[in-house]
N, C-alpha and C. Protein backbone atom coordinates (compact mmCIF):
# COMPACT_ATOMS: atom_id res chain seq x y z
N MET A 1 1.04 -1.48 0.01
CA MET A 1 0.00 -0.40 0.15
C MET A 1 0.94 1.24 -0.03
N GLU A 2 0.31 1.92 -0.80
CA GLU A 2 0.95 3.19 -0.76
C GLU A 2 0.64 4.43 0.07
N GLU A 3 1.52 5.47 0.76
CA GLU A 3 1.24 6.51 1.24
C GLU A 3 -0.27 7.03 0.90
N VAL A 4 -0.79 7.62 1.39
CA VAL A 4 -2.32 8.81 0.65
C VAL A 4 -2.25 9.88 1.60
N PHE A 5 -2.15 11.12 0.25
CA PHE A 5 -2.01 12.46 0.84
C PHE A 5 -2.94 12.57 0.26
N ARG A 6 -3.95 13.81 1.65
CA ARG A 6 -4.95 14.90 1.09
C ARG A 6 -4.68 16.00 2.02
N LYS A 7 -5.14 16.61 0.94
CA LYS A 7 -4.73 18.21 1.67
C LYS A 7 -6.00 18.72 2.13
N LEU A 8 -6.65 18.92 3.41
CA LEU A 8 -7.48 19.47 4.47
C LEU A 8 -7.83 20.76 4.12
N ASP A 9 -6.45 21.42 4.23
CA ASP A 9 -6.73 23.04 4.37
C ASP A 9 -5.00 23.66 3.95
N ASP A 10 -4.98 24.78 3.45
CA ASP A 10 -4.21 25.33 3.32
C ASP A 10 -2.93 24.73 4.47
N GLY A 11 -2.31 24.83 3.97
CA GLY A 11 -0.86 23.90 4.89
C GLY A 11 -1.26 22.76 5.66
N TYR A 12 -2.37 22.41 5.59
CA TYR A 12 -2.76 21.35 6.72
C TYR A 12 -3.18 19.72 5.44
N HIS A 13 -2.42 18.58 6.02
CA HIS A 13 -2.62 17.45 5.26
C HIS A 13 -3.37 16.39 6.15
N ILE A 14 -4.03 15.18 5.40
CA ILE A 14 -4.07 14.03 6.53
C ILE A 14 -3.10 12.67 5.59
N ILE A 15 -1.89 12.27 6.27
CA ILE A 15 -1.39 11.31 5.07
C ILE A 15 -1.37 9.87 5.70
N LEU A 16 -1.97 8.66 5.04
CA LEU A 16 -1.95 7.41 5.54
C LEU A 16 -0.61 7.12 5.96
N LEU A 17 -0.17 6.64 6.35
CA LEU A 17 0.80 5.90 6.23
C LEU A 17 1.18 4.54 5.44
N SER A 18 2.16 4.31 4.51
CA SER A 18 2.26 2.92 4.28
C SER A 18 2.81 2.06 5.81
N PRO A 19 2.83 0.76 5.13
CA PRO A 19 3.12 -0.38 6.79
C PRO A 19 4.50 0.35 6.98
N GLN A 20 5.31 0.01 5.97
CA GLN A 20 6.76 0.05 6.27
C GLN A 20 7.23 1.51 6.61
N LYS A 21 6.55 2.44 6.25
CA LYS A 21 7.08 4.05 7.33
C LYS A 21 6.49 3.85 8.53
N VAL A 22 5.25 3.01 9.09
CA VAL A 22 4.93 2.69 10.19
C VAL A 22 5.65 1.81 10.68
N LYS A 23 6.45 0.99 10.19
CA LYS A 23 7.25 -0.13 10.86
C LYS A 23 8.27 0.90 11.20
N ASP A 24 8.84 1.63 10.33
CA ASP A 24 10.03 2.45 10.39
C ASP A 24 10.05 3.22 11.80
N ARG A 25 8.96 4.19 11.84
CA ARG A 25 8.76 4.79 12.93
C ARG A 25 7.88 4.14 13.76
N TRP A 26 7.86 2.85 14.34
CA TRP A 26 6.59 2.38 15.20
C TRP A 26 7.15 2.80 16.53
N GLU A 27 7.93 2.85 17.37
CA GLU A 27 8.32 3.46 18.76
C GLU A 27 7.77 4.95 18.36
N SER A 28 8.31 5.75 17.95
CA SER A 28 7.45 7.03 18.16
C SER A 28 6.38 7.13 17.70
N LEU A 29 5.34 6.17 16.95
CA LEU A 29 4.52 6.33 16.50
C LEU A 29 3.36 6.20 17.93
N PHE A 30 4.21 4.63 18.83
CA PHE A 30 2.98 4.30 19.71
C PHE A 30 3.23 4.88 20.68
N HIS A 31 4.56 5.81 21.08
CA HIS A 31 4.52 6.92 22.18
C HIS A 31 3.51 7.58 22.29
N TYR A 32 2.73 8.24 21.21
CA TYR A 32 1.00 9.00 21.02
C TYR A 32 0.23 8.33 20.84
N ILE A 33 0.06 6.81 20.14
CA ILE A 33 -0.83 6.16 20.29
C ILE A 33 -1.21 5.73 21.32
N ARG A 34 -0.23 5.29 22.57
CA ARG A 34 -0.43 5.18 23.68
C ARG A 34 -1.24 5.94 24.53
N GLN A 35 -1.22 7.11 24.18
CA GLN A 35 -1.92 8.25 24.99
C GLN A 35 -3.46 8.13 25.09
N SER A 36 -3.48 7.46 23.88
CA SER A 36 -5.51 8.19 23.65
C SER A 36 -6.03 6.68 23.17
N LEU A 37 -5.49 5.03 24.14
CA LEU A 37 -6.43 4.03 23.97
C LEU A 37 -7.63 3.71 24.46
N PRO A 38 -8.31 3.43 24.06
CA PRO A 38 -10.15 3.15 24.21
C PRO A 38 -10.19 3.14 25.52
N PRO A 39 -11.61 3.35 25.86
CA PRO A 39 -11.55 2.68 27.62
C PRO A 39 -11.49 1.75 27.61
N GLY A 40 -10.53 1.45 28.82
CA GLY A 40 -10.62 -0.07 29.11
C GLY A 40 -9.31 -0.82 28.64
N THR A 41 -8.98 -0.07 28.00
CA THR A 41 -7.50 -0.71 26.96
C THR A 41 -6.64 -1.03 28.13
N GLU A 42 -5.20 -2.20 27.90
CA GLU A 42 -4.53 -1.59 29.24
C GLU A 42 -3.60 -1.96 28.07
N ASP A 43 -2.38 -0.64 28.55
CA ASP A 43 -1.45 -0.86 27.76
C ASP A 43 -0.53 -1.73 27.35
N SER A 44 0.24 -2.33 26.67
CA SER A 44 1.06 -3.94 27.10
C SER A 44 2.01 -4.12 25.65
N GLU A 45 2.26 -4.87 26.22
CA GLU A 45 3.41 -5.18 24.79
C GLU A 45 2.65 -5.87 24.04
N ILE A 46 2.07 -7.04 24.62
CA ILE A 46 0.83 -7.76 23.26
C ILE A 46 -0.05 -7.05 22.58
N LEU A 47 -0.25 -5.66 23.57
CA LEU A 47 -1.24 -4.73 22.48
C LEU A 47 -0.36 -4.21 21.08
N LYS A 48 0.80 -3.45 21.92
CA LYS A 48 1.80 -2.74 20.82
C LYS A 48 2.22 -3.92 19.52
N GLY A 49 2.17 -5.65 20.10
CA GLY A 49 2.40 -6.38 19.14
C GLY A 49 1.54 -6.18 17.69
N ASN A 50 0.48 -6.45 18.32
CA ASN A 50 -1.01 -6.62 18.41
C ASN A 50 -1.42 -5.60 17.13
N LEU A 51 -0.96 -4.56 17.36
CA LEU A 51 -1.45 -3.17 16.38
C LEU A 51 -0.39 -3.29 15.19
N LEU A 52 0.88 -3.65 15.30
CA LEU A 52 1.56 -3.92 14.30
C LEU A 52 1.80 -5.07 13.65
N LEU A 53 1.41 -6.18 14.56
CA LEU A 53 0.63 -6.95 12.87
C LEU A 53 -0.73 -6.82 12.17
N GLY A 54 -1.40 -5.89 13.04
CA GLY A 54 -2.58 -5.52 12.41
C GLY A 54 -1.84 -4.54 10.69
N VAL A 55 -1.21 -3.63 11.23
CA VAL A 55 -0.70 -2.63 10.13
C VAL A 55 -0.05 -3.65 9.03
N GLU A 56 0.26 -4.73 9.45
CA GLU A 56 1.26 -5.80 8.21
C GLU A 56 0.29 -6.21 7.14
N LYS A 57 -1.00 -6.89 8.42
CA LYS A 57 -2.01 -7.28 7.56
C LYS A 57 -2.82 -6.74 6.40
N GLY A 58 -2.99 -5.15 6.97
CA GLY A 58 -3.86 -4.54 6.23
C GLY A 58 -4.96 -4.19 7.00
N THR A 59 -5.19 -4.40 8.32
CA THR A 59 -6.41 -4.73 9.25
C THR A 59 -6.31 -3.24 9.64
N THR A 60 -5.45 -2.76 10.36
CA THR A 60 -4.72 -1.59 10.48
C THR A 60 -4.26 -0.16 10.32
N HIS A 61 -5.21 0.35 10.31
CA HIS A 61 -4.24 1.90 9.62
C HIS A 61 -3.73 2.92 10.28
N VAL A 62 -3.06 3.65 10.10
CA VAL A 62 -2.17 4.83 10.82
C VAL A 62 -2.35 6.01 9.79
N TRP A 63 -2.57 7.02 10.63
CA TRP A 63 -3.08 8.19 9.79
C TRP A 63 -2.06 9.24 10.57
N ILE A 64 -1.68 10.01 9.73
CA ILE A 64 -1.12 11.60 10.70
C ILE A 64 -1.82 12.63 9.93
N GLY A 65 -2.13 13.94 11.38
CA GLY A 65 -2.53 14.95 10.00
C GLY A 65 -1.27 16.02 10.55
N VAL A 66 -0.63 16.73 9.13
CA VAL A 66 0.58 17.55 9.49
C VAL A 66 0.48 18.75 8.90
N GLU A 67 0.92 20.25 9.68
CA GLU A 67 1.11 21.21 9.05
C GLU A 67 2.26 21.04 8.09
N VAL A 68 1.95 21.33 7.25
CA VAL A 68 3.63 22.18 6.71
C VAL A 68 3.58 23.55 6.51
N LYS A 69 5.00 23.80 6.90
CA LYS A 69 5.49 25.35 6.93
C LYS A 69 6.69 25.29 6.21
N GLU A 70 6.94 26.03 5.23
CA GLU A 70 8.37 26.17 4.37
C GLU A 70 8.63 25.12 4.36
N GLY A 71 8.40 23.51 3.81
CA GLY A 71 8.32 22.85 3.24
C GLY A 71 8.67 21.56 4.47
N ILE A 72 8.64 21.70 5.78
CA ILE A 72 8.69 21.07 6.78
C ILE A 72 7.63 20.54 7.32
N GLN A 73 7.08 19.29 7.46
CA GLN A 73 6.12 18.66 7.92
C GLN A 73 6.36 18.61 9.31
N HIS A 74 5.35 19.17 10.33
CA HIS A 74 5.09 19.41 11.91
C HIS A 74 3.48 18.65 11.97
N LEU A 75 4.21 17.28 13.06
CA LEU A 75 3.03 16.59 13.06
C LEU A 75 1.78 17.17 14.20
N CYS A 76 0.69 17.22 13.61
CA CYS A 76 -0.75 17.64 14.56
C CYS A 76 -1.20 16.05 15.22
N GLY A 77 -1.23 15.41 14.69
CA GLY A 77 -2.02 14.09 15.63
C GLY A 77 -2.15 13.08 14.79
N ILE A 78 -2.55 11.98 15.55
CA ILE A 78 -1.97 10.61 14.92
C ILE A 78 -3.52 10.06 15.28
N LEU A 79 -3.90 8.96 13.97
CA LEU A 79 -5.24 8.48 14.45
C LEU A 79 -5.02 6.88 13.64
N VAL A 80 -5.58 6.19 14.56
CA VAL A 80 -5.34 4.44 14.65
C VAL A 80 -6.46 4.17 13.57
N THR A 81 -6.73 3.66 12.66
CA THR A 81 -8.28 2.78 12.37
C THR A 81 -7.84 1.40 11.92
N VAL A 82 -9.34 0.54 12.63
CA VAL A 82 -8.93 -0.69 12.38
C VAL A 82 -10.70 -0.94 11.67
N ILE A 83 -10.05 -2.11 10.90
CA ILE A 83 -11.31 -2.70 10.13
C ILE A 83 -11.38 -4.43 10.31
N SER A 84 -12.75 -4.51 10.56
CA SER A 84 -13.05 -5.85 11.22
C SER A 84 -14.43 -5.99 10.88
N ILE A 85 -14.97 -7.26 10.80
CA ILE A 85 -15.69 -7.84 10.61
C ILE A 85 -16.72 -7.97 11.58
N GLU A 86 -18.04 -7.37 11.65
CA GLU A 86 -18.91 -7.28 12.89
C GLU A 86 -19.52 -8.73 12.57
N PRO A 87 -19.35 -9.96 14.42
CA PRO A 87 -19.62 -10.97 13.60
C PRO A 87 -20.96 -11.47 13.30
N LEU A 88 -21.96 -10.49 13.86
CA LEU A 88 -23.49 -11.25 13.85
C LEU A 88 -23.87 -10.86 12.50
N SER A 89 -23.53 -9.84 11.81
CA SER A 89 -24.32 -9.59 10.38
C SER A 89 -22.96 -9.37 9.64
N GLU A 90 -21.54 -9.83 10.17
CA GLU A 90 -20.56 -9.89 9.01
C GLU A 90 -20.90 -8.83 7.59
N THR A 91 -20.92 -7.47 8.55
CA THR A 91 -20.35 -6.42 8.05
C THR A 91 -18.93 -6.14 8.16
N LYS A 92 -18.56 -5.39 7.44
CA LYS A 92 -17.21 -4.75 7.66
C LYS A 92 -17.17 -3.39 8.36
N VAL A 93 -16.75 -3.00 9.29
CA VAL A 93 -16.83 -1.71 10.69
C VAL A 93 -15.58 -1.11 10.35
N MET A 94 -15.06 0.02 10.05
CA MET A 94 -14.24 0.71 10.58
C MET A 94 -14.15 1.43 12.41
N VAL A 95 -13.09 1.27 12.48
CA VAL A 95 -13.27 1.62 14.37
C VAL A 95 -12.01 2.48 14.07
N ILE A 96 -12.23 3.82 14.73
CA ILE A 96 -11.35 4.70 15.16
C ILE A 96 -10.83 4.48 16.50
N TYR A 97 -9.44 3.76 16.37
CA TYR A 97 -9.48 3.02 17.78
C TYR A 97 -8.11 3.89 18.94
N SER A 98 -8.09 4.87 18.09
CA SER A 98 -7.30 5.64 18.77
C SER A 98 -7.05 7.12 18.01
N LEU A 99 -7.10 8.38 18.73
CA LEU A 99 -6.95 9.48 18.12
C LEU A 99 -6.09 10.56 19.19
N THR A 100 -5.17 10.69 18.78
CA THR A 100 -4.39 11.71 19.91
C THR A 100 -4.23 12.91 18.83
N SER A 101 -4.20 13.82 19.80
CA SER A 101 -3.75 15.33 19.17
C SER A 101 -2.31 15.86 19.35
N VAL A 102 -1.50 16.57 18.91
CA VAL A 102 -0.36 16.76 19.64
C VAL A 102 -0.20 18.08 19.54
N SER A 103 -0.82 18.40 18.53
CA SER A 103 -1.33 20.42 18.56
C SER A 103 -2.54 20.37 18.34
N SER A 104 -3.14 21.92 18.57
CA SER A 104 -4.21 22.47 18.36
C SER A 104 -4.98 22.87 17.02
N ILE A 105 -6.19 21.60 16.69
CA ILE A 105 -6.22 21.47 15.84
C ILE A 105 -7.63 22.23 15.84
N LEU A 106 -7.95 23.33 14.46
CA LEU A 106 -9.71 24.07 14.55
C LEU A 106 -10.24 22.29 14.25
N PRO A 107 -11.34 22.82 14.52
CA PRO A 107 -12.50 21.94 14.43
C PRO A 107 -12.93 21.63 12.97
N SER A 108 -13.09 22.88 12.11
CA SER A 108 -13.14 22.69 10.47
C SER A 108 -12.31 21.57 9.97
N LEU A 109 -11.20 21.80 10.70
CA LEU A 109 -10.20 20.45 10.22
C LEU A 109 -10.40 19.26 10.94
N TRP A 110 -10.81 19.33 12.03
CA TRP A 110 -11.35 17.60 11.95
C TRP A 110 -12.39 17.01 11.57
N LEU A 111 -13.50 18.38 11.33
CA LEU A 111 -14.67 18.27 10.33
C LEU A 111 -13.71 17.30 8.60
N LYS A 112 -12.90 17.74 8.29
CA LYS A 112 -12.14 17.59 7.02
C LYS A 112 -11.68 16.43 6.95
N GLY A 113 -10.94 16.16 8.24
CA GLY A 113 -10.24 14.61 8.61
C GLY A 113 -11.65 13.50 8.21
N PHE A 114 -12.47 13.82 9.02
CA PHE A 114 -13.75 12.52 9.44
C PHE A 114 -14.04 12.51 8.15
N GLU A 115 -14.21 13.57 7.05
CA GLU A 115 -14.90 13.21 5.48
C GLU A 115 -13.98 12.18 4.88
N VAL A 116 -12.45 12.78 4.93
CA VAL A 116 -11.62 11.83 4.58
C VAL A 116 -11.45 9.92 5.08
N LEU A 117 -12.00 10.10 6.36
CA LEU A 117 -12.67 9.15 6.26
C LEU A 117 -13.03 8.53 5.83
N LYS A 118 -14.40 8.96 6.12
CA LYS A 118 -15.59 8.27 5.56
C LYS A 118 -15.43 8.30 4.20
N GLN A 119 -14.58 8.44 3.06
CA GLN A 119 -14.54 8.21 1.53
C GLN A 119 -13.86 6.57 1.89
N PHE A 120 -12.39 6.98 2.54
CA PHE A 120 -11.55 5.71 2.93
C PHE A 120 -12.57 4.55 2.75
N ALA A 121 -13.18 4.95 4.08
CA ALA A 121 -14.83 3.37 4.72
C ALA A 121 -14.84 3.08 3.01
N LYS A 122 -16.11 4.35 2.29
CA LYS A 122 -16.57 3.84 1.70
C LYS A 122 -16.06 3.29 0.74
N SER A 123 -14.65 3.51 0.16
CA SER A 123 -13.92 2.66 -1.13
C SER A 123 -13.93 1.23 -0.55
N ASN A 124 -13.89 1.28 1.10
CA ASN A 124 -12.93 -0.05 1.08
C ASN A 124 -14.09 -0.93 1.63
N GLY A 125 -15.55 -0.87 1.12
CA GLY A 125 -16.86 -1.74 1.22
C GLY A 125 -17.27 -1.49 2.68
N ILE A 126 -17.25 -0.35 3.57
CA ILE A 126 -17.71 -0.32 4.97
C ILE A 126 -18.76 0.52 4.97
N ASN A 127 -19.72 0.40 5.58
CA ASN A 127 -20.52 1.34 5.54
C ASN A 127 -21.10 2.06 6.86
N SER A 128 -20.12 1.75 7.95
CA SER A 128 -20.59 2.65 9.52
C SER A 128 -18.39 2.65 9.81
N ILE A 129 -18.82 3.66 10.61
CA ILE A 129 -17.36 3.93 11.46
C ILE A 129 -17.91 3.83 12.73
N ILE A 130 -17.18 3.30 13.75
CA ILE A 130 -16.89 3.51 15.15
C ILE A 130 -16.03 4.16 15.77
N ALA A 131 -16.43 4.59 16.62
CA ALA A 131 -15.36 5.60 17.41
C ALA A 131 -15.53 5.47 18.76
N TYR A 132 -14.73 5.24 19.49
CA TYR A 132 -14.82 5.55 21.05
C TYR A 132 -14.20 6.73 21.68
N THR A 133 -15.30 7.53 22.32
CA THR A 133 -13.79 9.04 22.92
C THR A 133 -14.51 8.61 24.20
N THR A 134 -13.52 9.59 25.23
CA THR A 134 -13.97 10.52 26.38
C THR A 134 -14.22 12.06 26.56
N ASN A 135 -13.32 12.76 24.86
CA ASN A 135 -13.48 13.79 24.89
C ASN A 135 -15.01 14.33 23.82
N GLU A 136 -15.34 15.08 24.88
CA GLU A 136 -16.99 15.69 24.38
C GLU A 136 -17.03 16.41 23.07
N GLN A 137 -15.60 17.42 23.23
CA GLN A 137 -15.28 18.26 21.99
C GLN A 137 -15.44 17.28 20.42
N LEU A 138 -14.83 16.43 20.83
CA LEU A 138 -14.66 15.07 19.47
C LEU A 138 -16.38 14.54 19.44
N ALA A 139 -16.69 14.31 20.02
CA ALA A 139 -18.21 13.68 19.98
C ALA A 139 -19.25 14.08 19.89
N MET A 140 -19.20 15.72 20.01
CA MET A 140 -20.20 16.75 19.43
C MET A 140 -19.74 16.98 18.01
N LEU A 141 -18.59 17.10 17.98
CA LEU A 141 -18.13 17.07 15.67
C LEU A 141 -18.63 15.67 15.23
N ALA A 142 -18.21 14.93 15.93
CA ALA A 142 -19.20 13.31 15.19
C ALA A 142 -20.49 13.71 15.11
N LYS A 143 -21.38 14.18 15.83
CA LYS A 143 -22.74 14.16 16.00
C LYS A 143 -23.02 15.03 14.37
N LYS A 144 -22.34 16.11 14.49
CA LYS A 144 -22.32 17.27 13.38
C LYS A 144 -22.15 16.62 11.83
N LEU A 145 -21.46 15.17 11.89
CA LEU A 145 -21.33 14.61 10.75
C LEU A 145 -21.89 13.46 10.68
N GLY A 146 -23.45 13.47 11.67
CA GLY A 146 -24.41 12.69 11.76
C GLY A 146 -24.65 11.59 12.05
N ALA A 147 -23.39 11.64 13.63
CA ALA A 147 -23.13 10.11 14.29
C ALA A 147 -24.16 10.23 15.64
N VAL A 148 -24.42 8.70 15.91
CA VAL A 148 -25.62 8.37 16.91
C VAL A 148 -24.25 8.22 17.93
N ILE A 149 -24.45 8.73 18.99
CA ILE A 149 -24.02 8.72 20.08
C ILE A 149 -24.12 7.71 21.37
N HIS A 150 -23.74 6.55 21.36
CA HIS A 150 -23.72 5.70 21.92
C HIS A 150 -22.65 5.77 23.55
N TYR A 151 -22.83 4.86 24.38
CA TYR A 151 -22.44 5.38 25.74
C TYR A 151 -22.46 3.55 26.09
N THR A 152 -20.66 3.65 26.76
CA THR A 152 -20.52 2.51 27.04
C THR A 152 -20.01 2.23 28.63
N VAL A 153 -21.22 1.54 29.21
CA VAL A 153 -19.73 0.89 30.81
C VAL A 153 -18.89 0.28 30.81
N GLU A 154 -18.04 0.62 31.31
CA GLU A 154 -16.64 -0.05 31.96
C GLU A 154 -17.37 -1.16 32.86
N VAL A 155 -16.49 -2.34 32.78
CA VAL A 155 -17.12 -3.41 33.78
C VAL A 155 -15.59 -3.74 34.07
N LYS A 156 -15.29 -3.51 35.37
CA LYS A 156 -13.64 -3.51 36.33
C LYS A 156 -13.67 -4.32 37.38
């Protein structure tokens, strides 16, 4: 898979990293990914290995948001998506597994980034995107895109 660049706005891009780029930068990427694991997920070496294995298999994708200033890319955020099969209906779904903001991102850019994800999902035969967040601002942005908000009870 080749890297995919999508321009979001002047100077801002979202990039779907190739599996090789993810492997080459895995330690630094995982540093940010572990900061926003889904509720109830335990950070472990097993998780780290499973995420990288998913990237190699093509079921896990790592996206980065960058701002380009004077030809230099500055990291704004990291997003991990996972494509899986919902077992009862056997339909493909995309889960936004992890979303880490490294710098301040305007709500309009979040919305444009979500549109890119929707296009990617549609082109891969996926008709729904699932996201877990404890961030109210992101939940409200998702609502603007037509999301239905559900709540999850953690069992500890």
